[in-house]
Amino acid sequence: MKILLTNDDGIKSPGLLLLAEGLRRAGHRVLALAPDSDRSGISHAISFLGGPCKISKIEEDFWACSGTPVDCVVLALLGGIPGAEGFVPDIVLSGINRGANLGTDIVYSGTAAAARQASMAGFPAAAFSLLEAEDWHWEMAVSFIIEKFSEIAGFWKAGTFVNVNIPNSASPPSGLVTAFPARRRYTDTIDRYESPSGEIYCFARGGKISAEPEAGSDYDAVSGNFASISAVYVQPAALEEIAARKER
């Protein structure tokens, strides 16, 4: 299978490097184009609107981009990578993200946005995230994704992208379960400082993140040591529209 791989943590992120290696060992052709540095929390931002993006070859089939995760997907799918103009991926993967993208996190996530952009262009797409922990068990997450790859790829439906969250421990999750995105709540604060010359500087301080305790949510799944998989609409959908789709 031909796979386009990106993320929002940057081209040197272990989640991307180890996933690319694992997919190649499994027999897939992997073309990676990812930001040249961390773009976490940048959502669906597009640099192309303000000027060109610079791409730099790291090694064969591995490229860094000065833009956002969405820029990377647009550029790759429209033939912007030298020598890979004819590369048409069977699926676009984003991640493995350093930290959860559960529920409302999806709104902010550049990792999720890359998968959304690919699906908007008509390509199957999935975003992967590994939950926060004291130690990062990347190898476990890669092995789990490779093991469940056919199931994850088959979960994709036109008009959606697939969002997968993996609990972070030395042992693999108890399974992969379908879940809906949870409602997350954030307690961020702002610290404000004034310099001697009068400039005002504001610093965001991240606080504790919680979630609505709803059975069947992605937060509920990972809390029970299951990996969650969700199909997320690529376009905004009104409540009435969602209800109508469920009835059909």
C-alpha atoms as a PDB file:
ATOM      1  CA  MET A   1       0.000   0.000   0.000  1.00  0.00           C
ATOM      2  CA  LYS A   2       1.209   3.542  -0.765  1.00  0.00           C
ATOM      3  CA  ILE A   3       1.015   5.782   2.293  1.00  0.00           C
ATOM      4  CA  LEU A   4       1.469   9.536   2.724  1.00  0.00           C
ATOM      5  CA  LEU A   5       2.597  10.265   6.285  1.00  0.00           C
ATOM      6  CA  THR A   6       2.597  13.581   8.153  1.00  0.00           C
ATOM      7  CA  ASN A   7       2.060  14.993  11.668  1.00  0.00           C
ATOM      8  CA  ASP A   8       2.057  18.249  13.645  1.00  0.00           C
ATOM      9  CA  ASP A   9       4.959  17.453  16.007  1.00  0.00           C
ATOM     10  CA  GLY A  10       7.566  17.817  13.281  1.00  0.00           C
ATOM     11  CA  ILE A  11       9.594  15.631  10.937  1.00  0.00           C
ATOM     12  CA  LYS A  12      11.942  14.525  13.777  1.00  0.00           C
ATOM     13  CA  SER A  13       9.179  13.317  16.085  1.00  0.00           C
ATOM     14  CA  PRO A  14       9.699   9.712  17.254  1.00  0.00           C
ATOM     15  CA  GLY A  15       6.021   9.005  16.622  1.00  0.00           C
ATOM     16  CA  LEU A  16       6.447   9.746  12.921  1.00  0.00           C
ATOM     17  CA  LEU A  17       9.907   8.206  12.517  1.00  0.00           C
ATOM     18  CA  LEU A  18       9.011   4.921  14.198  1.00  0.00           C
ATOM     19  CA  LEU A  19       5.639   4.655  12.451  1.00  0.00           C
ATOM     20  CA  ALA A  20       7.311   5.188   9.062  1.00  0.00           C
ATOM     21  CA  GLU A  21       9.865   2.492   9.890  1.00  0.00           C
ATOM     22  CA  GLY A  22       7.182   0.059  11.062  1.00  0.00           C
ATOM     23  CA  LEU A  23       5.005   0.588   8.004  1.00  0.00           C
ATOM     24  CA  ARG A  24       7.972   0.044   5.709  1.00  0.00           C
ATOM     25  CA  ARG A  25       8.897  -3.163   7.509  1.00  0.00           C
ATOM     26  CA  ALA A  26       5.295  -4.282   6.963  1.00  0.00           C
ATOM     27  CA  GLY A  27       5.813  -3.864   3.212  1.00  0.00           C
ATOM     28  CA  HIS A  28       4.229  -0.457   2.582  1.00  0.00           C
ATOM     29  CA  ARG A  29       5.683   2.384   0.499  1.00  0.00           C
ATOM     30  CA  VAL A  30       5.829   5.447   2.764  1.00  0.00           C
ATOM     31  CA  LEU A  31       6.314   9.039   1.619  1.00  0.00           C
ATOM     32  CA  ALA A  32       6.688  11.413   4.584  1.00  0.00           C
ATOM     33  CA  LEU A  33       6.222  15.179   4.433  1.00  0.00           C
ATOM     34  CA  ALA A  34       5.910  16.889   7.811  1.00  0.00           C
ATOM     35  CA  PRO A  35       6.555  20.326   9.346  1.00  0.00           C
ATOM     36  CA  ASP A  36      10.194  21.207   9.978  1.00  0.00           C
ATOM     37  CA  SER A  37       9.383  21.951  13.639  1.00  0.00           C
ATOM     38  CA  ASP A  38       6.559  21.540  16.132  1.00  0.00           C
ATOM     39  CA  ARG A  39       3.191  22.871  14.897  1.00  0.00           C
ATOM     40  CA  SER A  40       1.025  21.448  17.696  1.00  0.00           C
ATOM     41  CA  GLY A  41      -2.343  23.122  18.213  1.00  0.00           C
ATOM     42  CA  ILE A  42      -2.290  24.874  14.848  1.00  0.00           C
ATOM     43  CA  SER A  43      -5.548  23.224  13.735  1.00  0.00           C
ATOM     44  CA  HIS A  44      -6.440  23.668  10.021  1.00  0.00           C
ATOM     45  CA  ALA A  45      -4.183  26.681   9.374  1.00  0.00           C
ATOM     46  CA  ILE A  46      -2.906  27.126   5.801  1.00  0.00           C
ATOM     47  CA  SER A  47       0.380  28.978   5.188  1.00  0.00           C
ATOM     48  CA  PHE A  48      -0.086  28.947   1.416  1.00  0.00           C
ATOM     49  CA  LEU A  49      -2.538  31.832   1.736  1.00  0.00           C
ATOM     50  CA  GLY A  50       0.323  34.122   2.785  1.00  0.00           C
ATOM     51  CA  GLY A  51       3.125  32.894   0.543  1.00  0.00           C
ATOM     52  CA  PRO A  52       5.116  29.852  -0.533  1.00  0.00           C
ATOM     53  CA  CYS A  53       6.194  26.893   1.569  1.00  0.00           C
ATOM     54  CA  LYS A  54       9.787  25.688   1.572  1.00  0.00           C
ATOM     55  CA  ILE A  55      10.437  21.929   1.440  1.00  0.00           C
ATOM     56  CA  SER A  56      13.771  20.263   2.206  1.00  0.00           C
ATOM     57  CA  LYS A  57      14.795  16.680   1.482  1.00  0.00           C
ATOM     58  CA  ILE A  58      15.979  14.809   4.574  1.00  0.00           C
ATOM     59  CA  GLU A  59      16.504  11.467   2.869  1.00  0.00           C
ATOM     60  CA  GLU A  60      14.779   9.354   0.228  1.00  0.00           C
ATOM     61  CA  ASP A  61      10.979   9.758   0.569  1.00  0.00           C
ATOM     62  CA  PHE A  62      11.433  11.943   3.686  1.00  0.00           C
ATOM     63  CA  TRP A  63      10.804  15.706   3.446  1.00  0.00           C
ATOM     64  CA  ALA A  64      10.459  18.657   5.830  1.00  0.00           C
ATOM     65  CA  CYS A  65       8.116  21.588   5.161  1.00  0.00           C
ATOM     66  CA  SER A  66       8.168  25.156   6.494  1.00  0.00           C
ATOM     67  CA  GLY A  67       4.363  25.180   6.622  1.00  0.00           C
ATOM     68  CA  THR A  68       1.570  23.515   8.575  1.00  0.00           C
ATOM     69  CA  PRO A  69       0.333  19.914   8.586  1.00  0.00           C
ATOM     70  CA  VAL A  70      -2.475  20.909   6.190  1.00  0.00           C
ATOM     71  CA  ASP A  71       0.095  22.559   3.899  1.00  0.00           C
ATOM     72  CA  CYS A  72       2.002  19.271   3.856  1.00  0.00           C
ATOM     73  CA  VAL A  73      -1.055  17.317   2.743  1.00  0.00           C
ATOM     74  CA  VAL A  74      -2.044  19.862   0.083  1.00  0.00           C
ATOM     75  CA  LEU A  75       1.491  20.064  -1.264  1.00  0.00           C
ATOM     76  CA  ALA A  76       2.008  16.292  -1.411  1.00  0.00           C
ATOM     77  CA  LEU A  77      -1.384  15.482  -2.946  1.00  0.00           C
ATOM     78  CA  LEU A  78      -0.971  18.157  -5.634  1.00  0.00           C
ATOM     79  CA  GLY A  79       2.430  16.842  -6.743  1.00  0.00           C
ATOM     80  CA  GLY A  80       4.711  19.380  -5.081  1.00  0.00           C
ATOM     81  CA  ILE A  81       7.426  16.915  -4.008  1.00  0.00           C
ATOM     82  CA  PRO A  82      10.223  16.591  -6.593  1.00  0.00           C
ATOM     83  CA  GLY A  83      10.487  13.050  -7.913  1.00  0.00           C
ATOM     84  CA  ALA A  84       7.141  12.054  -6.405  1.00  0.00           C
ATOM     85  CA  GLU A  85       4.786  13.933  -8.738  1.00  0.00           C
ATOM     86  CA  GLY A  86       3.045  10.683  -9.702  1.00  0.00           C
ATOM     87  CA  PHE A  87       2.713   9.395  -6.134  1.00  0.00           C
ATOM     88  CA  VAL A  88      -0.978   8.794  -5.383  1.00  0.00           C
ATOM     89  CA  PRO A  89      -1.454   7.438  -1.850  1.00  0.00           C
ATOM     90  CA  ASP A  90      -3.920   4.706  -0.993  1.00  0.00           C
ATOM     91  CA  ILE A  91      -4.284   6.300   2.444  1.00  0.00           C
ATOM     92  CA  VAL A  92      -2.986   9.359   4.314  1.00  0.00           C
ATOM     93  CA  LEU A  93      -1.849   8.895   7.917  1.00  0.00           C
ATOM     94  CA  SER A  94      -1.125  11.618  10.471  1.00  0.00           C
ATOM     95  CA  GLY A  95       0.857  10.985  13.650  1.00  0.00           C
ATOM     96  CA  ILE A  96       1.621   9.332  15.905  1.00  0.00           C
ATOM     97  CA  ASN A  97       0.845  12.486  17.898  1.00  0.00           C
ATOM     98  CA  ARG A  98       2.640  13.176  21.164  1.00  0.00           C
ATOM     99  CA  GLY A  99      -0.412  13.367  23.429  1.00  0.00           C
ATOM    100  CA  ALA A 100      -4.129  12.711  23.248  1.00  0.00           C
ATOM    101  CA  ASN A 101      -6.521  14.053  20.647  1.00  0.00           C
ATOM    102  CA  LEU A 102      -9.724  13.102  22.398  1.00  0.00           C
ATOM    103  CA  GLY A 103     -13.069  14.724  21.746  1.00  0.00           C
ATOM    104  CA  THR A 104     -12.832  18.497  21.685  1.00  0.00           C
ATOM    105  CA  ASP A 105      -9.039  18.298  21.263  1.00  0.00           C
ATOM    106  CA  ILE A 106      -9.766  17.509  17.603  1.00  0.00           C
ATOM    107  CA  VAL A 107     -10.784  21.145  17.050  1.00  0.00           C
ATOM    108  CA  TYR A 108      -7.272  22.358  17.916  1.00  0.00           C
ATOM    109  CA  SER A 109      -5.181  19.489  16.580  1.00  0.00           C
ATOM    110  CA  GLY A 110      -2.931  19.907  13.551  1.00  0.00           C
ATOM    111  CA  THR A 111      -2.624  16.124  13.477  1.00  0.00           C
ATOM    112  CA  ALA A 112      -6.390  15.738  13.078  1.00  0.00           C
ATOM    113  CA  ALA A 113      -6.519  18.625  10.577  1.00  0.00           C
ATOM    114  CA  ALA A 114      -4.055  16.881   8.265  1.00  0.00           C
ATOM    115  CA  ALA A 115      -6.287  13.803   8.159  1.00  0.00           C
ATOM    116  CA  ARG A 116      -9.347  16.009   7.662  1.00  0.00           C
ATOM    117  CA  GLN A 117      -7.721  17.770   4.706  1.00  0.00           C
ATOM    118  CA  ALA A 118      -6.823  14.475   3.046  1.00  0.00           C
ATOM    119  CA  SER A 119     -10.351  13.143   3.394  1.00  0.00           C
ATOM    120  CA  MET A 120     -11.756  16.422   2.052  1.00  0.00           C
ATOM    121  CA  ALA A 121      -9.628  15.733  -1.036  1.00  0.00           C
ATOM    122  CA  GLY A 122     -11.194  12.272  -1.346  1.00  0.00           C
ATOM    123  CA  PHE A 123      -8.459  10.145   0.218  1.00  0.00           C
ATOM    124  CA  PRO A 124      -8.909   7.685   3.082  1.00  0.00           C
ATOM    125  CA  ALA A 125      -7.247   9.248   6.123  1.00  0.00           C
ATOM    126  CA  ALA A 126      -6.527   8.474   9.760  1.00  0.00           C
ATOM    127  CA  ALA A 127      -4.984  10.400  12.666  1.00  0.00           C
ATOM    128  CA  PHE A 128      -3.167   8.594  15.485  1.00  0.00           C
ATOM    129  CA  SER A 129      -2.395   9.864  18.975  1.00  0.00           C
ATOM    130  CA  LEU A 130      -0.606   8.347  21.977  1.00  0.00           C
ATOM    131  CA  LEU A 131      -1.856   9.533  25.357  1.00  0.00           C
ATOM    132  CA  GLU A 132       0.432  11.400  27.731  1.00  0.00           C
ATOM    133  CA  ALA A 133       2.420   9.402  30.295  1.00  0.00           C
ATOM    134  CA  GLU A 134       5.693   9.592  32.190  1.00  0.00           C
ATOM    135  CA  ASP A 135       7.302   7.322  29.575  1.00  0.00           C
ATOM    136  CA  TRP A 136       6.458   7.287  25.876  1.00  0.00           C
ATOM    137  CA  HIS A 137       5.817   3.747  24.611  1.00  0.00           C
ATOM    138  CA  TRP A 138       6.131   4.501  20.903  1.00  0.00           C
ATOM    139  CA  GLU A 139       7.105   0.962  19.882  1.00  0.00           C
ATOM    140  CA  MET A 140       3.956  -0.430  21.502  1.00  0.00           C
ATOM    141  CA  ALA A 141       1.801   2.098  19.665  1.00  0.00           C
ATOM    142  CA  VAL A 142       3.456   1.345  16.310  1.00  0.00           C
ATOM    143  CA  SER A 143       2.996  -2.404  16.800  1.00  0.00           C
ATOM    144  CA  PHE A 144      -0.671  -1.879  17.692  1.00  0.00           C
ATOM    145  CA  ILE A 145      -1.289   0.260  14.605  1.00  0.00           C
ATOM    146  CA  ILE A 146       0.416  -2.271  12.324  1.00  0.00           C
ATOM    147  CA  GLU A 147      -1.611  -5.109  13.867  1.00  0.00           C
ATOM    148  CA  LYS A 148      -4.910  -3.219  13.451  1.00  0.00           C
ATOM    149  CA  PHE A 149      -4.022  -1.468  10.201  1.00  0.00           C
ATOM    150  CA  SER A 150      -6.506  -3.260   7.937  1.00  0.00           C
ATOM    151  CA  GLU A 151      -9.314  -2.720  10.433  1.00  0.00           C
ATOM    152  CA  ILE A 152      -8.468   0.974  10.821  1.00  0.00           C
ATOM    153  CA  ALA A 153      -8.188   1.548   7.066  1.00  0.00           C
ATOM    154  CA  GLY A 154     -11.479  -0.262   6.505  1.00  0.00           C
ATOM    155  CA  PHE A 155     -13.210   1.923   9.099  1.00  0.00           C
ATOM    156  CA  TRP A 156     -12.866   5.003   6.884  1.00  0.00           C
ATOM    157  CA  LYS A 157     -15.989   6.319   5.120  1.00  0.00           C
ATOM    158  CA  ALA A 158     -16.203   9.112   2.559  1.00  0.00           C
ATOM    159  CA  GLY A 159     -16.896  12.444   4.233  1.00  0.00           C
ATOM    160  CA  THR A 160     -15.090  11.481   7.434  1.00  0.00           C
ATOM    161  CA  PHE A 161     -11.605  10.927   8.782  1.00  0.00           C
ATOM    162  CA  VAL A 162     -10.619   8.287  11.301  1.00  0.00           C
ATOM    163  CA  ASN A 163      -9.358   9.405  14.721  1.00  0.00           C
ATOM    164  CA  VAL A 164      -7.519   6.857  16.882  1.00  0.00           C
ATOM    165  CA  ASN A 165      -6.284   7.353  20.456  1.00  0.00           C
ATOM    166  CA  ILE A 166      -3.998   4.781  22.080  1.00  0.00           C
ATOM    167  CA  PRO A 167      -3.449   4.403  25.854  1.00  0.00           C
ATOM    168  CA  ASN A 168       0.199   4.803  26.784  1.00  0.00           C
ATOM    169  CA  SER A 169       1.665   1.799  28.596  1.00  0.00           C
ATOM    170  CA  ALA A 170       4.223  -0.924  28.013  1.00  0.00           C
ATOM    171  CA  SER A 171       1.435  -3.410  27.274  1.00  0.00           C
ATOM    172  CA  PRO A 172      -0.894  -2.974  24.278  1.00  0.00           C
ATOM    173  CA  PRO A 173      -4.501  -1.815  24.745  1.00  0.00           C
ATOM    174  CA  SER A 174      -7.180  -4.361  25.571  1.00  0.00           C
ATOM    175  CA  GLY A 175      -8.675  -3.797  22.120  1.00  0.00           C
ATOM    176  CA  LEU A 176      -9.918  -1.235  19.621  1.00  0.00           C
ATOM    177  CA  VAL A 177     -13.445   0.067  20.218  1.00  0.00           C
ATOM    178  CA  THR A 178     -15.692   2.448  18.297  1.00  0.00           C
ATOM    179  CA  ALA A 179     -16.365   5.623  20.268  1.00  0.00           C
ATOM    180  CA  PHE A 180     -17.772   9.124  19.843  1.00  0.00           C
ATOM    181  CA  PRO A 181     -15.692  12.242  20.619  1.00  0.00           C
ATOM    182  CA  ALA A 182     -15.974  13.346  24.254  1.00  0.00           C
ATOM    183  CA  ARG A 183     -16.667  16.868  25.482  1.00  0.00           C
ATOM    184  CA  ARG A 184     -13.353  18.033  26.958  1.00  0.00           C
ATOM    185  CA  ARG A 185     -13.012  20.928  29.403  1.00  0.00           C
ATOM    186  CA  TYR A 186      -9.898  23.092  29.733  1.00  0.00           C
ATOM    187  CA  THR A 187      -8.755  25.252  32.664  1.00  0.00           C
ATOM    188  CA  ASP A 188      -6.072  27.357  30.993  1.00  0.00           C
ATOM    189  CA  THR A 189      -5.044  30.693  32.488  1.00  0.00           C
ATOM    190  CA  ILE A 190      -3.200  33.784  31.259  1.00  0.00           C
ATOM    191  CA  ASP A 191      -0.239  35.421  33.006  1.00  0.00           C
ATOM    192  CA  ARG A 192       0.322  39.044  31.963  1.00  0.00           C
ATOM    193  CA  TYR A 193       3.550  40.962  32.344  1.00  0.00           C
ATOM    194  CA  GLU A 194       4.486  44.541  31.497  1.00  0.00           C
ATOM    195  CA  SER A 195       8.062  45.323  30.474  1.00  0.00           C
ATOM    196  CA  PRO A 196       9.895  48.424  31.753  1.00  0.00           C
ATOM    197  CA  SER A 197       9.268  50.031  28.356  1.00  0.00           C
ATOM    198  CA  GLY A 198       5.517  49.396  28.540  1.00  0.00           C
ATOM    199  CA  GLU A 199       5.015  46.365  26.269  1.00  0.00           C
ATOM    200  CA  ILE A 200       2.470  43.822  27.481  1.00  0.00           C
ATOM    201  CA  TYR A 201       3.388  40.116  27.281  1.00  0.00           C
ATOM    202  CA  CYS A 202       0.772  37.395  27.810  1.00  0.00           C
ATOM    203  CA  PHE A 203       1.676  33.790  28.564  1.00  0.00           C
ATOM    204  CA  ALA A 204      -0.807  30.912  28.426  1.00  0.00           C
ATOM    205  CA  ARG A 205      -0.586  28.378  31.244  1.00  0.00           C
ATOM    206  CA  GLY A 206      -2.148  25.008  30.570  1.00  0.00           C
ATOM    207  CA  GLY A 207      -4.307  23.638  33.352  1.00  0.00           C
ATOM    208  CA  LYS A 208      -5.969  20.335  34.087  1.00  0.00           C
ATOM    209  CA  ILE A 209      -8.043  18.841  31.261  1.00  0.00           C
ATOM    210  CA  SER A 210     -11.155  16.869  32.112  1.00  0.00           C
ATOM    211  CA  ALA A 211     -13.951  15.259  30.119  1.00  0.00           C
ATOM    212  CA  GLU A 212     -17.647  14.589  30.457  1.00  0.00           C
ATOM    213  CA  PRO A 213     -17.949  11.033  31.873  1.00  0.00           C
ATOM    214  CA  GLU A 214     -20.117   9.638  29.087  1.00  0.00           C
ATOM    215  CA  ALA A 215     -20.273   5.917  28.382  1.00  0.00           C
ATOM    216  CA  GLY A 216     -19.213   5.184  24.812  1.00  0.00           C
ATOM    217  CA  SER A 217     -16.985   8.254  24.420  1.00  0.00           C
ATOM    218  CA  ASP A 218     -13.353   8.093  23.326  1.00  0.00           C
ATOM    219  CA  TYR A 219     -12.341   9.330  26.796  1.00  0.00           C
ATOM    220  CA  ASP A 220     -14.352   6.509  28.350  1.00  0.00           C
ATOM    221  CA  ALA A 221     -12.642   3.982  26.059  1.00  0.00           C
ATOM    222  CA  VAL A 222      -9.054   4.999  26.823  1.00  0.00           C
ATOM    223  CA  SER A 223      -9.877   5.241  30.540  1.00  0.00           C
ATOM    224  CA  GLY A 224     -10.686   1.534  30.344  1.00  0.00           C
ATOM    225  CA  ASN A 225      -7.389   0.759  28.544  1.00  0.00           C
ATOM    226  CA  PHE A 226      -9.004   0.426  25.123  1.00  0.00           C
ATOM    227  CA  ALA A 227      -7.831   2.280  22.036  1.00  0.00           C
ATOM    228  CA  SER A 228     -10.654   4.416  20.648  1.00  0.00           C
ATOM    229  CA  ILE A 229     -11.559   4.775  16.988  1.00  0.00           C
ATOM    230  CA  SER A 230     -13.976   7.439  15.770  1.00  0.00           C
ATOM    231  CA  ALA A 231     -15.301   8.529  12.393  1.00  0.00           C
ATOM    232  CA  VAL A 232     -15.301  12.348  12.418  1.00  0.00           C
ATOM    233  CA  TYR A 233     -17.156  14.431   9.828  1.00  0.00           C
ATOM    234  CA  VAL A 234     -14.822  16.550   7.692  1.00  0.00           C
ATOM    235  CA  GLN A 235     -17.349  19.396   7.420  1.00  0.00           C
ATOM    236  CA  PRO A 236     -19.395  21.173  10.104  1.00  0.00           C
ATOM    237  CA  ALA A 237     -22.728  19.422  10.581  1.00  0.00           C
ATOM    238  CA  ALA A 238     -25.873  20.834  12.192  1.00  0.00           C
ATOM    239  CA  LEU A 239     -27.627  18.717  14.820  1.00  0.00           C
ATOM    240  CA  GLU A 240     -30.631  18.244  12.533  1.00  0.00           C
ATOM    241  CA  GLU A 241     -28.377  16.951   9.768  1.00  0.00           C
ATOM    242  CA  ILE A 242     -26.652  14.469  12.075  1.00  0.00           C
ATOM    243  CA  ALA A 243     -30.000  13.183  13.331  1.00  0.00           C
ATOM    244  CA  ALA A 244     -31.241  12.758   9.752  1.00  0.00           C
ATOM    245  CA  ARG A 245     -28.123  10.798   8.782  1.00  0.00           C
ATOM    246  CA  LYS A 246     -28.592   8.438  11.725  1.00  0.00           C
ATOM    247  CA  GLU A 247     -32.141   7.717  10.589  1.00  0.00           C
ATOM    248  CA  ARG A 248     -31.075   6.867   7.019  1.00  0.00           C
END
